[in-house]
Amino acid sequence: MSEANLRDRYLQLWLNLIRQEPIATFHLHSNCTVQGKLCGTDSENNRFRVDQLNSPIGVYEKAVIRGTDVNRIEL
Protein backbone atom coordinates (compact mmCIF):
# COMPACT_ATOMS: atom_id res chain seq x y z
CA MET A 1 0.00 0.00 0.00
CA SER A 2 1.15 3.48 -0.74
CA GLU A 3 1.77 6.03 2.00
CA ALA A 4 -1.10 8.18 0.72
CA ASN A 5 -3.47 5.22 0.86
CA LEU A 6 -2.41 4.38 4.42
CA ARG A 7 -2.87 8.01 5.49
CA ASP A 8 -6.35 8.07 3.93
CA ARG A 9 -7.32 4.88 5.79
CA TYR A 10 -5.99 6.31 9.05
CA LEU A 11 -8.02 9.51 8.63
CA GLN A 12 -11.14 7.50 7.71
CA LEU A 13 -10.70 5.47 10.89
CA TRP A 14 -10.72 8.61 13.06
CA LEU A 15 -13.58 10.20 11.11
CA ASN A 16 -15.79 7.12 11.52
CA LEU A 17 -14.82 6.73 15.16
CA ILE A 18 -15.59 10.35 16.07
CA ARG A 19 -18.98 10.19 14.33
CA GLN A 20 -19.98 7.42 16.75
CA GLU A 21 -18.99 9.51 19.81
CA PRO A 22 -18.01 6.41 21.79
CA ILE A 23 -17.47 6.25 25.53
CA ALA A 24 -13.69 6.09 25.87
CA THR A 25 -11.48 5.22 28.81
CA PHE A 26 -8.19 7.10 28.87
CA HIS A 27 -5.32 5.57 30.82
CA LEU A 28 -3.03 8.43 31.81
CA HIS A 29 0.34 8.68 33.54
CA SER A 30 0.54 7.81 37.26
CA ASN A 31 -2.12 5.10 36.86
CA CYS A 32 -4.90 7.68 36.53
CA THR A 33 -7.96 6.61 34.53
CA VAL A 34 -10.67 8.93 33.22
CA GLN A 35 -13.70 8.24 31.06
CA GLY A 36 -15.94 10.28 28.79
CA LYS A 37 -17.51 10.67 25.36
CA LEU A 38 -14.82 11.06 22.70
CA CYS A 39 -15.86 13.96 20.46
CA GLY A 40 -12.78 14.82 18.45
CA THR A 41 -9.04 14.93 17.99
CA ASP A 42 -6.62 17.16 16.16
CA SER A 43 -4.74 16.07 13.03
CA GLU A 44 -1.76 14.70 14.96
CA ASN A 45 -3.64 13.27 17.96
CA ASN A 46 -2.01 15.83 20.25
CA ARG A 47 -5.35 16.72 21.85
CA PHE A 48 -8.57 14.80 22.43
CA ARG A 49 -11.92 16.56 22.96
CA VAL A 50 -14.05 14.75 25.55
CA ASP A 51 -17.54 15.51 26.88
CA GLN A 52 -18.81 14.40 30.31
CA LEU A 53 -15.29 13.55 31.47
CA ASN A 54 -15.41 11.54 34.69
CA SER A 55 -12.20 12.10 36.61
CA PRO A 56 -11.10 11.32 40.18
CA ILE A 57 -11.87 14.93 41.19
CA GLY A 58 -15.24 15.33 39.48
CA VAL A 59 -17.13 15.47 36.20
CA TYR A 60 -16.25 18.04 33.54
CA GLU A 61 -18.89 18.92 30.96
CA LYS A 62 -16.23 19.55 28.28
CA ALA A 63 -12.50 18.88 28.44
CA VAL A 64 -9.39 18.55 26.32
CA ILE A 65 -6.86 15.84 27.13
CA ARG A 66 -3.31 16.26 25.89
CA GLY A 67 -2.11 13.36 23.76
CA THR A 68 1.23 13.33 25.57
CA ASP A 69 -0.62 12.49 28.82
CA VAL A 70 -2.35 9.43 27.32
CA ASN A 71 -0.78 5.99 27.59
CA ARG A 72 -3.74 4.11 26.13
CA ILE A 73 -7.33 4.62 24.98
CA GLU A 74 -10.00 1.93 25.30
CA LEU A 75 -13.17 2.23 23.25
PDB file of N, CA and C in Angstrom:
ATOM      1  N   MET A   1       0.825  -1.187   0.000  1.00  0.00           N
ATOM      2  CA  MET A   1       0.000   0.000   0.000  1.00  0.00           C
ATOM      3  C   MET A   1       0.865   1.245   0.000  1.00  0.00           C
ATOM      4  N   SER A   2       0.392   2.238  -0.677  1.00  0.00           N
ATOM      5  CA  SER A   2       1.148   3.483  -0.735  1.00  0.00           C
ATOM      6  C   SER A   2       0.953   4.279   0.562  1.00  0.00           C
ATOM      7  N   GLU A   3       1.857   5.193   0.803  1.00  0.00           N
ATOM      8  CA  GLU A   3       1.769   6.030   2.001  1.00  0.00           C
ATOM      9  C   GLU A   3       0.500   6.871   1.999  1.00  0.00           C
ATOM     10  N   ALA A   4       0.121   7.369   0.831  1.00  0.00           N
ATOM     11  CA  ALA A   4      -1.099   8.180   0.718  1.00  0.00           C
ATOM     12  C   ALA A   4      -2.326   7.343   1.044  1.00  0.00           C
ATOM     13  N   ASN A   5      -2.343   6.107   0.593  1.00  0.00           N
ATOM     14  CA  ASN A   5      -3.469   5.218   0.862  1.00  0.00           C
ATOM     15  C   ASN A   5      -3.561   4.906   2.357  1.00  0.00           C
ATOM     16  N   LEU A   6      -2.427   4.651   2.984  1.00  0.00           N
ATOM     17  CA  LEU A   6      -2.411   4.378   4.425  1.00  0.00           C
ATOM     18  C   LEU A   6      -2.889   5.592   5.208  1.00  0.00           C
ATOM     19  N   ARG A   7      -2.453   6.775   4.810  1.00  0.00           N
ATOM     20  CA  ARG A   7      -2.871   8.009   5.487  1.00  0.00           C
ATOM     21  C   ARG A   7      -4.374   8.201   5.345  1.00  0.00           C
ATOM     22  N   ASP A   8      -4.908   7.939   4.166  1.00  0.00           N
ATOM     23  CA  ASP A   8      -6.345   8.065   3.935  1.00  0.00           C
ATOM     24  C   ASP A   8      -7.120   7.098   4.828  1.00  0.00           C
ATOM     25  N   ARG A   9      -6.656   5.875   4.942  1.00  0.00           N
ATOM     26  CA  ARG A   9      -7.324   4.884   5.787  1.00  0.00           C
ATOM     27  C   ARG A   9      -7.270   5.295   7.253  1.00  0.00           C
ATOM     28  N   TYR A  10      -6.145   5.844   7.676  1.00  0.00           N
ATOM     29  CA  TYR A  10      -5.986   6.309   9.051  1.00  0.00           C
ATOM     30  C   TYR A  10      -6.974   7.437   9.352  1.00  0.00           C
ATOM     31  N   LEU A  11      -7.094   8.395   8.434  1.00  0.00           N
ATOM     32  CA  LEU A  11      -8.021   9.505   8.632  1.00  0.00           C
ATOM     33  C   LEU A  11      -9.471   9.033   8.617  1.00  0.00           C
ATOM     34  N   GLN A  12      -9.790   8.069   7.749  1.00  0.00           N
ATOM     35  CA  GLN A  12     -11.139   7.503   7.713  1.00  0.00           C
ATOM     36  C   GLN A  12     -11.480   6.799   9.025  1.00  0.00           C
ATOM     37  N   LEU A  13     -10.498   6.120   9.603  1.00  0.00           N
ATOM     38  CA  LEU A  13     -10.696   5.466  10.893  1.00  0.00           C
ATOM     39  C   LEU A  13     -11.124   6.490  11.943  1.00  0.00           C
ATOM     40  N   TRP A  14     -10.393   7.593  12.069  1.00  0.00           N
ATOM     41  CA  TRP A  14     -10.719   8.608  13.059  1.00  0.00           C
ATOM     42  C   TRP A  14     -12.050   9.291  12.754  1.00  0.00           C
ATOM     43  N   LEU A  15     -12.316   9.556  11.480  1.00  0.00           N
ATOM     44  CA  LEU A  15     -13.577  10.195  11.108  1.00  0.00           C
ATOM     45  C   LEU A  15     -14.762   9.314  11.494  1.00  0.00           C
ATOM     46  N   ASN A  16     -14.708   8.037  11.173  1.00  0.00           N
ATOM     47  CA  ASN A  16     -15.792   7.123  11.518  1.00  0.00           C
ATOM     48  C   ASN A  16     -15.923   6.935  13.023  1.00  0.00           C
ATOM     49  N   LEU A  17     -14.805   6.895  13.709  1.00  0.00           N
ATOM     50  CA  LEU A  17     -14.816   6.733  15.161  1.00  0.00           C
ATOM     51  C   LEU A  17     -15.457   7.938  15.843  1.00  0.00           C
ATOM     52  N   ILE A  18     -15.075   9.130  15.450  1.00  0.00           N
ATOM     53  CA  ILE A  18     -15.594  10.346  16.068  1.00  0.00           C
ATOM     54  C   ILE A  18     -17.081  10.515  15.793  1.00  0.00           C
ATOM     55  N   ARG A  19     -17.542  10.102  14.643  1.00  0.00           N
ATOM     56  CA  ARG A  19     -18.980  10.189  14.328  1.00  0.00           C
ATOM     57  C   ARG A  19     -19.821   9.376  15.301  1.00  0.00           C
ATOM     58  N   GLN A  20     -19.261   8.290  15.808  1.00  0.00           N
ATOM     59  CA  GLN A  20     -19.982   7.424  16.747  1.00  0.00           C
ATOM     60  C   GLN A  20     -20.019   7.999  18.157  1.00  0.00           C
ATOM     61  N   GLU A  21     -19.129   8.928  18.474  1.00  0.00           N
ATOM     62  CA  GLU A  21     -18.987   9.512  19.808  1.00  0.00           C
ATOM     63  C   GLU A  21     -18.988   8.429  20.891  1.00  0.00           C
ATOM     64  N   PRO A  22     -18.022   7.515  20.830  1.00  0.00           N
ATOM     65  CA  PRO A  22     -18.010   6.407  21.789  1.00  0.00           C
ATOM     66  C   PRO A  22     -17.587   6.852  23.190  1.00  0.00           C
ATOM     67  N   ILE A  23     -17.982   6.059  24.178  1.00  0.00           N
ATOM     68  CA  ILE A  23     -17.465   6.252  25.531  1.00  0.00           C
ATOM     69  C   ILE A  23     -16.055   5.672  25.535  1.00  0.00           C
ATOM     70  N   ALA A  24     -15.093   6.495  25.902  1.00  0.00           N
ATOM     71  CA  ALA A  24     -13.689   6.088  25.870  1.00  0.00           C
ATOM     72  C   ALA A  24     -13.096   6.168  27.264  1.00  0.00           C
ATOM     73  N   THR A  25     -12.231   5.212  27.567  1.00  0.00           N
ATOM     74  CA  THR A  25     -11.480   5.223  28.811  1.00  0.00           C
ATOM     75  C   THR A  25     -10.044   5.583  28.479  1.00  0.00           C
ATOM     76  N   PHE A  26      -9.543   6.635  29.105  1.00  0.00           N
ATOM     77  CA  PHE A  26      -8.186   7.103  28.874  1.00  0.00           C
ATOM     78  C   PHE A  26      -7.320   6.698  30.061  1.00  0.00           C
ATOM     79  N   HIS A  27      -6.279   5.959  29.793  1.00  0.00           N
ATOM     80  CA  HIS A  27      -5.316   5.573  30.824  1.00  0.00           C
ATOM     81  C   HIS A  27      -4.161   6.572  30.733  1.00  0.00           C
ATOM     82  N   LEU A  28      -4.020   7.368  31.793  1.00  0.00           N
ATOM     83  CA  LEU A  28      -3.035   8.430  31.815  1.00  0.00           C
ATOM     84  C   LEU A  28      -1.835   8.027  32.666  1.00  0.00           C
ATOM     85  N   HIS A  29      -0.840   8.908  32.699  1.00  0.00           N
ATOM     86  CA  HIS A  29       0.337   8.677  33.537  1.00  0.00           C
ATOM     87  C   HIS A  29      -0.080   8.569  35.002  1.00  0.00           C
ATOM     88  N   SER A  30       0.763   7.974  35.815  1.00  0.00           N
ATOM     89  CA  SER A  30       0.539   7.814  37.261  1.00  0.00           C
ATOM     90  C   SER A  30      -0.688   6.961  37.557  1.00  0.00           C
ATOM     91  N   ASN A  31      -0.999   6.022  36.679  1.00  0.00           N
ATOM     92  CA  ASN A  31      -2.124   5.096  36.859  1.00  0.00           C
ATOM     93  C   ASN A  31      -3.461   5.797  37.063  1.00  0.00           C
ATOM     94  N   CYS A  32      -3.646   6.940  36.474  1.00  0.00           N
ATOM     95  CA  CYS A  32      -4.904   7.676  36.531  1.00  0.00           C
ATOM     96  C   CYS A  32      -5.762   7.258  35.332  1.00  0.00           C
ATOM     97  N   THR A  33      -7.036   7.000  35.594  1.00  0.00           N
ATOM     98  CA  THR A  33      -7.958   6.610  34.533  1.00  0.00           C
ATOM     99  C   THR A  33      -9.145   7.565  34.544  1.00  0.00           C
ATOM    100  N   VAL A  34      -9.507   8.064  33.371  1.00  0.00           N
ATOM    101  CA  VAL A  34     -10.674   8.934  33.223  1.00  0.00           C
ATOM    102  C   VAL A  34     -11.518   8.393  32.076  1.00  0.00           C
ATOM    103  N   GLN A  35     -12.797   8.768  32.074  1.00  0.00           N
ATOM    104  CA  GLN A  35     -13.701   8.238  31.059  1.00  0.00           C
ATOM    105  C   GLN A  35     -14.661   9.326  30.607  1.00  0.00           C
ATOM    106  N   GLY A  36     -14.994   9.307  29.321  1.00  0.00           N
ATOM    107  CA  GLY A  36     -15.943  10.276  28.789  1.00  0.00           C
ATOM    108  C   GLY A  36     -16.254   9.980  27.333  1.00  0.00           C
ATOM    109  N   LYS A  37     -17.107  10.838  26.759  1.00  0.00           N
ATOM    110  CA  LYS A  37     -17.513  10.665  25.365  1.00  0.00           C
ATOM    111  C   LYS A  37     -16.489  11.337  24.456  1.00  0.00           C
ATOM    112  N   LEU A  38     -15.825  10.543  23.619  1.00  0.00           N
ATOM    113  CA  LEU A  38     -14.817  11.058  22.697  1.00  0.00           C
ATOM    114  C   LEU A  38     -15.504  11.812  21.569  1.00  0.00           C
ATOM    115  N   CYS A  39     -15.190  13.105  21.443  1.00  0.00           N
ATOM    116  CA  CYS A  39     -15.863  13.957  20.460  1.00  0.00           C
ATOM    117  C   CYS A  39     -14.965  14.423  19.328  1.00  0.00           C
ATOM    118  N   GLY A  40     -13.649  14.350  19.509  1.00  0.00           N
ATOM    119  CA  GLY A  40     -12.777  14.821  18.453  1.00  0.00           C
ATOM    120  C   GLY A  40     -11.314  14.724  18.824  1.00  0.00           C
ATOM    121  N   THR A  41     -10.479  14.893  17.814  1.00  0.00           N
ATOM    122  CA  THR A  41      -9.038  14.927  17.991  1.00  0.00           C
ATOM    123  C   THR A  41      -8.458  15.857  16.943  1.00  0.00           C
ATOM    124  N   ASP A  42      -7.252  16.321  17.169  1.00  0.00           N
ATOM    125  CA  ASP A  42      -6.621  17.158  16.155  1.00  0.00           C
ATOM    126  C   ASP A  42      -5.916  16.261  15.140  1.00  0.00           C
ATOM    127  N   SER A  43      -5.303  16.841  14.144  1.00  0.00           N
ATOM    128  CA  SER A  43      -4.741  16.066  13.035  1.00  0.00           C
ATOM    129  C   SER A  43      -3.569  15.183  13.429  1.00  0.00           C
ATOM    130  N   GLU A  44      -2.917  15.496  14.538  1.00  0.00           N
ATOM    131  CA  GLU A  44      -1.764  14.699  14.959  1.00  0.00           C
ATOM    132  C   GLU A  44      -2.005  13.970  16.275  1.00  0.00           C
ATOM    133  N   ASN A  45      -3.259  13.924  16.711  1.00  0.00           N
ATOM    134  CA  ASN A  45      -3.639  13.266  17.964  1.00  0.00           C
ATOM    135  C   ASN A  45      -2.887  13.853  19.153  1.00  0.00           C
ATOM    136  N   ASN A  46      -2.645  15.159  19.129  1.00  0.00           N
ATOM    137  CA  ASN A  46      -2.006  15.830  20.252  1.00  0.00           C
ATOM    138  C   ASN A  46      -3.011  16.252  21.309  1.00  0.00           C
ATOM    139  N   ARG A  47      -4.291  16.329  20.928  1.00  0.00           N
ATOM    140  CA  ARG A  47      -5.348  16.722  21.846  1.00  0.00           C
ATOM    141  C   ARG A  47      -6.609  15.912  21.515  1.00  0.00           C
ATOM    142  N   PHE A  48      -7.320  15.525  22.581  1.00  0.00           N
ATOM    143  CA  PHE A  48      -8.575  14.795  22.428  1.00  0.00           C
ATOM    144  C   PHE A  48      -9.680  15.586  23.116  1.00  0.00           C
ATOM    145  N   ARG A  49     -10.759  15.849  22.401  1.00  0.00           N
ATOM    146  CA  ARG A  49     -11.919  16.556  22.963  1.00  0.00           C
ATOM    147  C   ARG A  49     -12.848  15.510  23.558  1.00  0.00           C
ATOM    148  N   VAL A  50     -13.224  15.712  24.819  1.00  0.00           N
ATOM    149  CA  VAL A  50     -14.049  14.752  25.548  1.00  0.00           C
ATOM    150  C   VAL A  50     -15.178  15.492  26.251  1.00  0.00           C
ATOM    151  N   ASP A  51     -16.399  14.975  26.140  1.00  0.00           N
ATOM    152  CA  ASP A  51     -17.542  15.507  26.882  1.00  0.00           C
ATOM    153  C   ASP A  51     -17.844  14.580  28.051  1.00  0.00           C
ATOM    154  N   GLN A  52     -18.427  15.153  29.103  1.00  0.00           N
ATOM    155  CA  GLN A  52     -18.807  14.403  30.306  1.00  0.00           C
ATOM    156  C   GLN A  52     -17.641  13.572  30.833  1.00  0.00           C
ATOM    157  N   LEU A  53     -16.507  14.227  31.000  1.00  0.00           N
ATOM    158  CA  LEU A  53     -15.294  13.551  31.470  1.00  0.00           C
ATOM    159  C   LEU A  53     -15.393  13.256  32.962  1.00  0.00           C
ATOM    160  N   ASN A  54     -15.404  11.982  33.295  1.00  0.00           N
ATOM    161  CA  ASN A  54     -15.415  11.538  34.688  1.00  0.00           C
ATOM    162  C   ASN A  54     -13.977  11.358  35.134  1.00  0.00           C
ATOM    163  N   SER A  55     -13.564  12.163  36.101  1.00  0.00           N
ATOM    164  CA  SER A  55     -12.198  12.100  36.609  1.00  0.00           C
ATOM    165  C   SER A  55     -12.247  11.848  38.116  1.00  0.00           C
ATOM    166  N   PRO A  56     -11.112  11.539  38.722  1.00  0.00           N
ATOM    167  CA  PRO A  56     -11.097  11.317  40.177  1.00  0.00           C
ATOM    168  C   PRO A  56     -11.548  12.537  40.995  1.00  0.00           C
ATOM    169  N   ILE A  57     -11.476  13.736  40.421  1.00  0.00           N
ATOM    170  CA  ILE A  57     -11.867  14.927  41.187  1.00  0.00           C
ATOM    171  C   ILE A  57     -13.203  15.511  40.755  1.00  0.00           C
ATOM    172  N   GLY A  58     -13.925  14.848  39.873  1.00  0.00           N
ATOM    173  CA  GLY A  58     -15.241  15.327  39.479  1.00  0.00           C
ATOM    174  C   GLY A  58     -15.533  15.091  38.007  1.00  0.00           C
ATOM    175  N   VAL A  59     -16.676  15.607  37.587  1.00  0.00           N
ATOM    176  CA  VAL A  59     -17.127  15.467  36.198  1.00  0.00           C
ATOM    177  C   VAL A  59     -17.012  16.823  35.519  1.00  0.00           C
ATOM    178  N   TYR A  60     -16.395  16.826  34.352  1.00  0.00           N
ATOM    179  CA  TYR A  60     -16.253  18.037  33.545  1.00  0.00           C
ATOM    180  C   TYR A  60     -17.162  17.914  32.333  1.00  0.00           C
ATOM    181  N   GLU A  61     -17.961  18.944  32.088  1.00  0.00           N
ATOM    182  CA  GLU A  61     -18.886  18.916  30.957  1.00  0.00           C
ATOM    183  C   GLU A  61     -18.123  18.801  29.636  1.00  0.00           C
ATOM    184  N   LYS A  62     -17.067  19.582  29.486  1.00  0.00           N
ATOM    185  CA  LYS A  62     -16.230  19.550  28.282  1.00  0.00           C
ATOM    186  C   LYS A  62     -14.781  19.655  28.715  1.00  0.00           C
ATOM    187  N   ALA A  63     -13.924  18.870  28.069  1.00  0.00           N
ATOM    188  CA  ALA A  63     -12.505  18.876  28.441  1.00  0.00           C
ATOM    189  C   ALA A  63     -11.652  18.541  27.227  1.00  0.00           C
ATOM    190  N   VAL A  64     -10.385  18.902  27.323  1.00  0.00           N
ATOM    191  CA  VAL A  64      -9.392  18.548  26.319  1.00  0.00           C
ATOM    192  C   VAL A  64      -8.268  17.817  27.048  1.00  0.00           C
ATOM    193  N   ILE A  65      -7.942  16.637  26.548  1.00  0.00           N
ATOM    194  CA  ILE A  65      -6.863  15.837  27.126  1.00  0.00           C
ATOM    195  C   ILE A  65      -5.673  15.897  26.178  1.00  0.00           C
ATOM    196  N   ARG A  66      -4.518  16.214  26.723  1.00  0.00           N
ATOM    197  CA  ARG A  66      -3.309  16.259  25.890  1.00  0.00           C
ATOM    198  C   ARG A  66      -2.896  14.841  25.500  1.00  0.00           C
ATOM    199  N   GLY A  67      -2.550  14.660  24.246  1.00  0.00           N
ATOM    200  CA  GLY A  67      -2.114  13.355  23.756  1.00  0.00           C
ATOM    201  C   GLY A  67      -0.871  12.846  24.454  1.00  0.00           C
ATOM    202  N   THR A  68       0.000  13.748  24.896  1.00  0.00           N
ATOM    203  CA  THR A  68       1.229  13.328  25.574  1.00  0.00           C
ATOM    204  C   THR A  68       0.948  12.764  26.955  1.00  0.00           C
ATOM    205  N   ASP A  69      -0.247  13.023  27.518  1.00  0.00           N
ATOM    206  CA  ASP A  69      -0.622  12.487  28.823  1.00  0.00           C
ATOM    207  C   ASP A  69      -1.253  11.106  28.722  1.00  0.00           C
ATOM    208  N   VAL A  70      -1.598  10.668  27.515  1.00  0.00           N
ATOM    209  CA  VAL A  70      -2.349   9.429  27.320  1.00  0.00           C
ATOM    210  C   VAL A  70      -1.388   8.270  27.039  1.00  0.00           C
ATOM    211  N   ASN A  71      -1.518   7.224  27.844  1.00  0.00           N
ATOM    212  CA  ASN A  71      -0.775   5.985  27.588  1.00  0.00           C
ATOM    213  C   ASN A  71      -1.555   5.046  26.682  1.00  0.00           C
ATOM    214  N   ARG A  72      -2.898   5.045  26.880  1.00  0.00           N
ATOM    215  CA  ARG A  72      -3.739   4.107  26.127  1.00  0.00           C
ATOM    216  C   ARG A  72      -5.173   4.597  26.144  1.00  0.00           C
ATOM    217  N   ILE A  73      -5.910   4.294  25.074  1.00  0.00           N
ATOM    218  CA  ILE A  73      -7.326   4.623  24.980  1.00  0.00           C
ATOM    219  C   ILE A  73      -8.082   3.321  24.722  1.00  0.00           C
ATOM    220  N   GLU A  74      -9.117   3.074  25.529  1.00  0.00           N
ATOM    221  CA  GLU A  74     -10.000   1.926  25.299  1.00  0.00           C
ATOM    222  C   GLU A  74     -11.342   2.451  24.824  1.00  0.00           C
ATOM    223  N   LEU A  75     -11.870   1.818  23.794  1.00  0.00           N
ATOM    224  CA  LEU A  75     -13.169   2.227  23.255  1.00  0.00           C
ATOM    225  C   LEU A  75     -14.208   1.163  23.509  1.00  0.00           C
TER     226      LEU A  75
END
